[in-house]
């Protein structure tokens, strides 16, 4: 996520400038809520993450050293908030580089691939297709889901994603590849049905 065209002043935020903080909230509320909703799948939980993210950002502004961008720092807070909620239900979730999935040297091989290159672009942009993607994203392991959302949905770079999640770039690339393969396998069924339907029309 790129910074606002009129760059938000960290100095003004630290000085307690309410107008600047309102601009910060206006600029990043949408992306942060979207991240939380993709991660948690529950609007009320996503709203909690959104509120807590800005509350903690306000409380810890003096600790922001500017090593990463302001947006990456906010994503880090939001990601931690989302993971905290997930851990309440699944305490074993961890994002560390040494997560079990990274110890598995065997490559993940999808069971099926459907070549959907022949489908028209509007098929991929339809609300039904977006809903299918959302469902597939919810089925990803949490450690892969958050990497996929930050990189492929929110558009962060590999470096920004690694900074936001405090992971190595290698771990980010590994999880992103596995997430994409899993999604392609799951969506193969959906788009395979779309292709069959079109061929019969």
C-alpha atoms as a PDB file:
ATOM      1  CA  UNK A   1       0.000   0.000   0.000  1.00  0.00           C
ATOM      2  CA  UNK A   2       1.534   3.317  -1.016  1.00  0.00           C
ATOM      3  CA  UNK A   3       1.561   6.357   1.239  1.00  0.00           C
ATOM      4  CA  UNK A   4      -1.001   9.079   0.683  1.00  0.00           C
ATOM      5  CA  UNK A   5      -0.174  11.557  -2.114  1.00  0.00           C
ATOM      6  CA  UNK A   6       0.097  14.272   0.525  1.00  0.00           C
ATOM      7  CA  UNK A   7       2.452  12.467   2.872  1.00  0.00           C
ATOM      8  CA  UNK A   8       1.254  12.142   6.430  1.00  0.00           C
ATOM      9  CA  UNK A   9       3.558  13.869   8.896  1.00  0.00           C
ATOM     10  CA  UNK A  10       4.800  11.631  11.695  1.00  0.00           C
ATOM     11  CA  UNK A  11       6.014  14.747  13.508  1.00  0.00           C
ATOM     12  CA  UNK A  12       2.503  16.216  13.440  1.00  0.00           C
ATOM     13  CA  UNK A  13       1.059  12.944  14.709  1.00  0.00           C
ATOM     14  CA  UNK A  14       3.540  12.878  17.587  1.00  0.00           C
ATOM     15  CA  UNK A  15       2.643  16.461  18.395  1.00  0.00           C
ATOM     16  CA  UNK A  16      -0.976  15.415  18.822  1.00  0.00           C
ATOM     17  CA  UNK A  17      -2.324  17.034  15.645  1.00  0.00           C
ATOM     18  CA  UNK A  18      -5.911  15.740  15.543  1.00  0.00           C
ATOM     19  CA  UNK A  19      -6.415  16.708  11.911  1.00  0.00           C
ATOM     20  CA  UNK A  20      -3.334  14.724  10.896  1.00  0.00           C
ATOM     21  CA  UNK A  21      -4.506  11.719  12.890  1.00  0.00           C
ATOM     22  CA  UNK A  22      -7.903  11.957  11.157  1.00  0.00           C
ATOM     23  CA  UNK A  23      -6.092  11.891   7.808  1.00  0.00           C
ATOM     24  CA  UNK A  24      -4.183   8.824   8.952  1.00  0.00           C
ATOM     25  CA  UNK A  25      -7.424   7.065   9.873  1.00  0.00           C
ATOM     26  CA  UNK A  26      -9.152   8.112   6.633  1.00  0.00           C
ATOM     27  CA  UNK A  27      -6.206   6.929   4.533  1.00  0.00           C
ATOM     28  CA  UNK A  28      -5.673   3.519   6.094  1.00  0.00           C
ATOM     29  CA  UNK A  29      -9.041   2.446   7.531  1.00  0.00           C
ATOM     30  CA  UNK A  30     -10.135   0.727   4.315  1.00  0.00           C
ATOM     31  CA  UNK A  31      -6.997  -1.363   3.749  1.00  0.00           C
ATOM     32  CA  UNK A  32      -6.664  -2.338   7.413  1.00  0.00           C
ATOM     33  CA  UNK A  33     -10.314  -3.356   7.712  1.00  0.00           C
ATOM     34  CA  UNK A  34      -9.993  -5.359   4.472  1.00  0.00           C
ATOM     35  CA  UNK A  35      -6.899  -7.144   5.812  1.00  0.00           C
ATOM     36  CA  UNK A  36      -8.657  -7.996   9.087  1.00  0.00           C
ATOM     37  CA  UNK A  37     -11.795  -9.216   7.324  1.00  0.00           C
ATOM     38  CA  UNK A  38      -9.789 -11.437   4.956  1.00  0.00           C
ATOM     39  CA  UNK A  39      -7.930 -12.873   7.927  1.00  0.00           C
ATOM     40  CA  UNK A  40     -10.849 -13.339  10.315  1.00  0.00           C
ATOM     41  CA  UNK A  41     -13.921 -13.579   8.093  1.00  0.00           C
ATOM     42  CA  UNK A  42     -16.111 -11.879  10.717  1.00  0.00           C
ATOM     43  CA  UNK A  43     -17.019  -8.183  10.283  1.00  0.00           C
ATOM     44  CA  UNK A  44     -17.300  -7.457  14.016  1.00  0.00           C
ATOM     45  CA  UNK A  45     -13.848  -8.957  14.652  1.00  0.00           C
ATOM     46  CA  UNK A  46     -12.446  -6.947  11.743  1.00  0.00           C
ATOM     47  CA  UNK A  47     -13.912  -3.781  13.267  1.00  0.00           C
ATOM     48  CA  UNK A  48     -12.245  -4.623  16.586  1.00  0.00           C
ATOM     49  CA  UNK A  49      -8.903  -5.042  14.819  1.00  0.00           C
ATOM     50  CA  UNK A  50      -9.392  -1.731  13.028  1.00  0.00           C
ATOM     51  CA  UNK A  51     -10.137   0.153  16.244  1.00  0.00           C
ATOM     52  CA  UNK A  52      -7.321  -1.514  18.189  1.00  0.00           C
ATOM     53  CA  UNK A  53      -4.831  -0.848  15.394  1.00  0.00           C
ATOM     54  CA  UNK A  54      -5.343   2.906  15.479  1.00  0.00           C
ATOM     55  CA  UNK A  55      -5.552   2.967  19.264  1.00  0.00           C
ATOM     56  CA  UNK A  56      -2.195   1.196  19.573  1.00  0.00           C
ATOM     57  CA  UNK A  57      -0.690   3.292  16.787  1.00  0.00           C
ATOM     58  CA  UNK A  58      -1.662   6.429  18.695  1.00  0.00           C
ATOM     59  CA  UNK A  59      -0.299   5.023  21.964  1.00  0.00           C
ATOM     60  CA  UNK A  60       3.030   3.928  20.457  1.00  0.00           C
ATOM     61  CA  UNK A  61       3.774   6.721  17.981  1.00  0.00           C
ATOM     62  CA  UNK A  62       6.845   7.730  19.971  1.00  0.00           C
ATOM     63  CA  UNK A  63       8.250   4.234  19.393  1.00  0.00           C
ATOM     64  CA  UNK A  64       7.915   4.479  15.611  1.00  0.00           C
ATOM     65  CA  UNK A  65      11.492   4.936  14.403  1.00  0.00           C
ATOM     66  CA  UNK A  66      10.791   5.269  10.688  1.00  0.00           C
ATOM     67  CA  UNK A  67      12.834   2.214   9.673  1.00  0.00           C
ATOM     68  CA  UNK A  68       9.832   1.047   7.667  1.00  0.00           C
ATOM     69  CA  UNK A  69       7.056   3.094   6.101  1.00  0.00           C
ATOM     70  CA  UNK A  70       4.124   4.257   8.194  1.00  0.00           C
ATOM     71  CA  UNK A  71       1.803   1.956   6.245  1.00  0.00           C
ATOM     72  CA  UNK A  72       4.035  -1.088   6.885  1.00  0.00           C
ATOM     73  CA  UNK A  73       4.110  -0.237  10.582  1.00  0.00           C
ATOM     74  CA  UNK A  74       0.292  -0.040  10.669  1.00  0.00           C
ATOM     75  CA  UNK A  75       0.036  -3.360   8.849  1.00  0.00           C
ATOM     76  CA  UNK A  76       2.340  -4.905  11.445  1.00  0.00           C
ATOM     77  CA  UNK A  77       0.063  -3.722  14.254  1.00  0.00           C
ATOM     78  CA  UNK A  78      -3.070  -4.878  12.407  1.00  0.00           C
ATOM     79  CA  UNK A  79      -1.538  -8.273  11.597  1.00  0.00           C
ATOM     80  CA  UNK A  80      -0.614  -8.805  15.240  1.00  0.00           C
ATOM     81  CA  UNK A  81      -4.105  -7.822  16.361  1.00  0.00           C
ATOM     82  CA  UNK A  82      -5.702 -10.241  13.880  1.00  0.00           C
ATOM     83  CA  UNK A  83      -3.369 -13.058  14.906  1.00  0.00           C
ATOM     84  CA  UNK A  84      -4.131 -12.442  18.578  1.00  0.00           C
ATOM     85  CA  UNK A  85      -7.816 -13.015  17.873  1.00  0.00           C
ATOM     86  CA  UNK A  86      -7.030 -16.148  15.874  1.00  0.00           C
ATOM     87  CA  UNK A  87      -4.830 -17.507  18.665  1.00  0.00           C
ATOM     88  CA  UNK A  88      -7.717 -17.289  21.120  1.00  0.00           C
ATOM     89  CA  UNK A  89      -9.307 -20.094  19.130  1.00  0.00           C
ATOM     90  CA  UNK A  90      -6.103 -21.788  17.938  1.00  0.00           C
ATOM     91  CA  UNK A  91      -3.216 -21.182  20.371  1.00  0.00           C
ATOM     92  CA  UNK A  92      -0.768 -23.182  18.223  1.00  0.00           C
ATOM     93  CA  UNK A  93      -0.688 -20.555  15.455  1.00  0.00           C
ATOM     94  CA  UNK A  94       2.763 -19.020  15.007  1.00  0.00           C
ATOM     95  CA  UNK A  95       4.221 -16.816  12.297  1.00  0.00           C
ATOM     96  CA  UNK A  96       7.878 -17.442  13.056  1.00  0.00           C
ATOM     97  CA  UNK A  97      10.334 -18.508  10.362  1.00  0.00           C
ATOM     98  CA  UNK A  98      10.560 -21.868  12.120  1.00  0.00           C
ATOM     99  CA  UNK A  99       6.861 -22.652  11.722  1.00  0.00           C
ATOM    100  CA  UNK A 100       6.223 -26.378  11.035  1.00  0.00           C
ATOM    101  CA  UNK A 101       5.234 -25.771   7.411  1.00  0.00           C
ATOM    102  CA  UNK A 102       8.678 -24.300   6.702  1.00  0.00           C
ATOM    103  CA  UNK A 103      10.377 -27.383   8.103  1.00  0.00           C
ATOM    104  CA  UNK A 104       8.639 -29.520   5.502  1.00  0.00           C
ATOM    105  CA  UNK A 105      11.065 -29.743   2.595  1.00  0.00           C
ATOM    106  CA  UNK A 106       8.588 -31.485   0.324  1.00  0.00           C
ATOM    107  CA  UNK A 107       7.013 -29.118  -2.158  1.00  0.00           C
ATOM    108  CA  UNK A 108       3.265 -28.780  -2.050  1.00  0.00           C
ATOM    109  CA  UNK A 109       1.859 -30.287  -5.232  1.00  0.00           C
ATOM    110  CA  UNK A 110      -1.753 -29.471  -6.100  1.00  0.00           C
ATOM    111  CA  UNK A 111      -3.891 -32.448  -7.042  1.00  0.00           C
ATOM    112  CA  UNK A 112      -5.520 -30.678  -9.988  1.00  0.00           C
ATOM    113  CA  UNK A 113      -5.116 -27.671 -12.212  1.00  0.00           C
ATOM    114  CA  UNK A 114      -7.790 -26.283 -14.480  1.00  0.00           C
ATOM    115  CA  UNK A 115      -6.564 -24.124 -17.353  1.00  0.00           C
ATOM    116  CA  UNK A 116      -8.998 -21.217 -17.175  1.00  0.00           C
ATOM    117  CA  UNK A 117      -7.188 -18.997 -19.672  1.00  0.00           C
ATOM    118  CA  UNK A 118     -10.155 -19.215 -22.044  1.00  0.00           C
ATOM    119  CA  UNK A 119     -12.586 -17.601 -19.590  1.00  0.00           C
ATOM    120  CA  UNK A 120     -13.395 -13.933 -20.318  1.00  0.00           C
ATOM    121  CA  UNK A 121     -12.045 -11.277 -17.968  1.00  0.00           C
ATOM    122  CA  UNK A 122     -15.492 -10.351 -16.650  1.00  0.00           C
ATOM    123  CA  UNK A 123     -15.804 -13.904 -15.309  1.00  0.00           C
ATOM    124  CA  UNK A 124     -12.918 -13.227 -12.921  1.00  0.00           C
ATOM    125  CA  UNK A 125     -14.276  -9.821 -11.907  1.00  0.00           C
ATOM    126  CA  UNK A 126     -17.809 -10.994 -11.144  1.00  0.00           C
ATOM    127  CA  UNK A 127     -19.107 -10.849  -7.592  1.00  0.00           C
ATOM    128  CA  UNK A 128     -19.536 -14.630  -7.675  1.00  0.00           C
ATOM    129  CA  UNK A 129     -15.872 -15.136  -8.579  1.00  0.00           C
ATOM    130  CA  UNK A 130     -14.782 -12.700  -5.877  1.00  0.00           C
ATOM    131  CA  UNK A 131     -16.884 -14.612  -3.353  1.00  0.00           C
ATOM    132  CA  UNK A 132     -15.277 -17.874  -4.474  1.00  0.00           C
ATOM    133  CA  UNK A 133     -11.822 -16.343  -3.989  1.00  0.00           C
ATOM    134  CA  UNK A 134     -12.786 -15.041  -0.546  1.00  0.00           C
ATOM    135  CA  UNK A 135     -13.943 -18.515   0.480  1.00  0.00           C
ATOM    136  CA  UNK A 136     -10.735 -20.071  -0.830  1.00  0.00           C
ATOM    137  CA  UNK A 137      -8.605 -17.527   1.038  1.00  0.00           C
ATOM    138  CA  UNK A 138     -10.444 -18.397   4.266  1.00  0.00           C
ATOM    139  CA  UNK A 139      -9.434 -22.024   3.767  1.00  0.00           C
ATOM    140  CA  UNK A 140      -5.710 -21.209   3.662  1.00  0.00           C
ATOM    141  CA  UNK A 141      -3.601 -21.913   6.764  1.00  0.00           C
ATOM    142  CA  UNK A 142      -3.356 -18.671   8.726  1.00  0.00           C
ATOM    143  CA  UNK A 143       0.394 -18.331   8.153  1.00  0.00           C
ATOM    144  CA  UNK A 144      -0.133 -18.490   4.394  1.00  0.00           C
ATOM    145  CA  UNK A 145      -3.336 -16.454   4.404  1.00  0.00           C
ATOM    146  CA  UNK A 146      -1.809 -13.356   5.955  1.00  0.00           C
ATOM    147  CA  UNK A 147       1.145 -13.405   3.556  1.00  0.00           C
ATOM    148  CA  UNK A 148      -1.177 -13.798   0.563  1.00  0.00           C
ATOM    149  CA  UNK A 149      -3.472 -10.984   1.707  1.00  0.00           C
ATOM    150  CA  UNK A 150      -0.618  -8.539   2.298  1.00  0.00           C
ATOM    151  CA  UNK A 151       1.278  -9.371  -0.889  1.00  0.00           C
ATOM    152  CA  UNK A 152      -1.366 -10.236  -3.484  1.00  0.00           C
ATOM    153  CA  UNK A 153      -4.439  -8.378  -2.244  1.00  0.00           C
ATOM    154  CA  UNK A 154      -2.991  -5.301  -0.534  1.00  0.00           C
ATOM    155  CA  UNK A 155      -0.037  -5.079  -2.918  1.00  0.00           C
ATOM    156  CA  UNK A 156       2.850  -4.897  -0.459  1.00  0.00           C
ATOM    157  CA  UNK A 157       6.258  -5.875  -1.804  1.00  0.00           C
ATOM    158  CA  UNK A 158       8.046  -8.986  -0.548  1.00  0.00           C
ATOM    159  CA  UNK A 159      10.278  -6.727   1.550  1.00  0.00           C
ATOM    160  CA  UNK A 160       7.341  -4.783   3.006  1.00  0.00           C
ATOM    161  CA  UNK A 161       5.495  -8.020   3.793  1.00  0.00           C
ATOM    162  CA  UNK A 162       8.543  -9.444   5.554  1.00  0.00           C
ATOM    163  CA  UNK A 163       8.886  -6.229   7.581  1.00  0.00           C
ATOM    164  CA  UNK A 164       5.194  -6.156   8.490  1.00  0.00           C
ATOM    165  CA  UNK A 165       5.236  -9.769   9.682  1.00  0.00           C
ATOM    166  CA  UNK A 166       8.805  -9.844  11.023  1.00  0.00           C
ATOM    167  CA  UNK A 167       9.642 -12.751   8.722  1.00  0.00           C
ATOM    168  CA  UNK A 168      12.561 -13.399   6.418  1.00  0.00           C
ATOM    169  CA  UNK A 169      11.930 -12.709   2.742  1.00  0.00           C
ATOM    170  CA  UNK A 170      12.580 -16.400   2.061  1.00  0.00           C
ATOM    171  CA  UNK A 171       9.772 -17.401   4.437  1.00  0.00           C
ATOM    172  CA  UNK A 172       7.436 -14.886   2.804  1.00  0.00           C
ATOM    173  CA  UNK A 173       8.210 -16.238  -0.687  1.00  0.00           C
ATOM    174  CA  UNK A 174       7.766 -19.843   0.441  1.00  0.00           C
ATOM    175  CA  UNK A 175       4.403 -19.209   2.089  1.00  0.00           C
ATOM    176  CA  UNK A 176       3.213 -17.060  -0.802  1.00  0.00           C
ATOM    177  CA  UNK A 177       4.013 -19.811  -3.312  1.00  0.00           C
ATOM    178  CA  UNK A 178       2.202 -22.411  -1.217  1.00  0.00           C
ATOM    179  CA  UNK A 179      -0.783 -20.121  -0.776  1.00  0.00           C
ATOM    180  CA  UNK A 180      -1.036 -19.504  -4.514  1.00  0.00           C
ATOM    181  CA  UNK A 181      -0.807 -23.210  -5.292  1.00  0.00           C
ATOM    182  CA  UNK A 182      -3.496 -24.068  -2.749  1.00  0.00           C
ATOM    183  CA  UNK A 183      -5.779 -21.352  -4.064  1.00  0.00           C
ATOM    184  CA  UNK A 184      -5.276 -22.454  -7.648  1.00  0.00           C
ATOM    185  CA  UNK A 185      -6.162 -26.023  -6.717  1.00  0.00           C
ATOM    186  CA  UNK A 186      -9.291 -24.995  -4.820  1.00  0.00           C
ATOM    187  CA  UNK A 187     -10.425 -22.582  -7.523  1.00  0.00           C
ATOM    188  CA  UNK A 188      -9.808 -25.202 -10.221  1.00  0.00           C
ATOM    189  CA  UNK A 189     -13.075 -26.862  -9.234  1.00  0.00           C
ATOM    190  CA  UNK A 190     -14.984 -23.580  -9.385  1.00  0.00           C
ATOM    191  CA  UNK A 191     -13.584 -22.429 -12.733  1.00  0.00           C
ATOM    192  CA  UNK A 192     -13.784 -25.941 -14.140  1.00  0.00           C
ATOM    193  CA  UNK A 193     -17.536 -25.790 -13.595  1.00  0.00           C
ATOM    194  CA  UNK A 194     -17.641 -22.360 -15.272  1.00  0.00           C
ATOM    195  CA  UNK A 195     -15.810 -23.741 -18.311  1.00  0.00           C
ATOM    196  CA  UNK A 196     -18.134 -26.747 -18.534  1.00  0.00           C
ATOM    197  CA  UNK A 197     -21.150 -24.460 -18.330  1.00  0.00           C
ATOM    198  CA  UNK A 198     -19.842 -22.212 -21.128  1.00  0.00           C
ATOM    199  CA  UNK A 199     -18.986 -25.164 -23.366  1.00  0.00           C
ATOM    200  CA  UNK A 200     -22.589 -26.375 -23.127  1.00  0.00           C
ATOM    201  CA  UNK A 201     -24.097 -22.998 -23.960  1.00  0.00           C
END
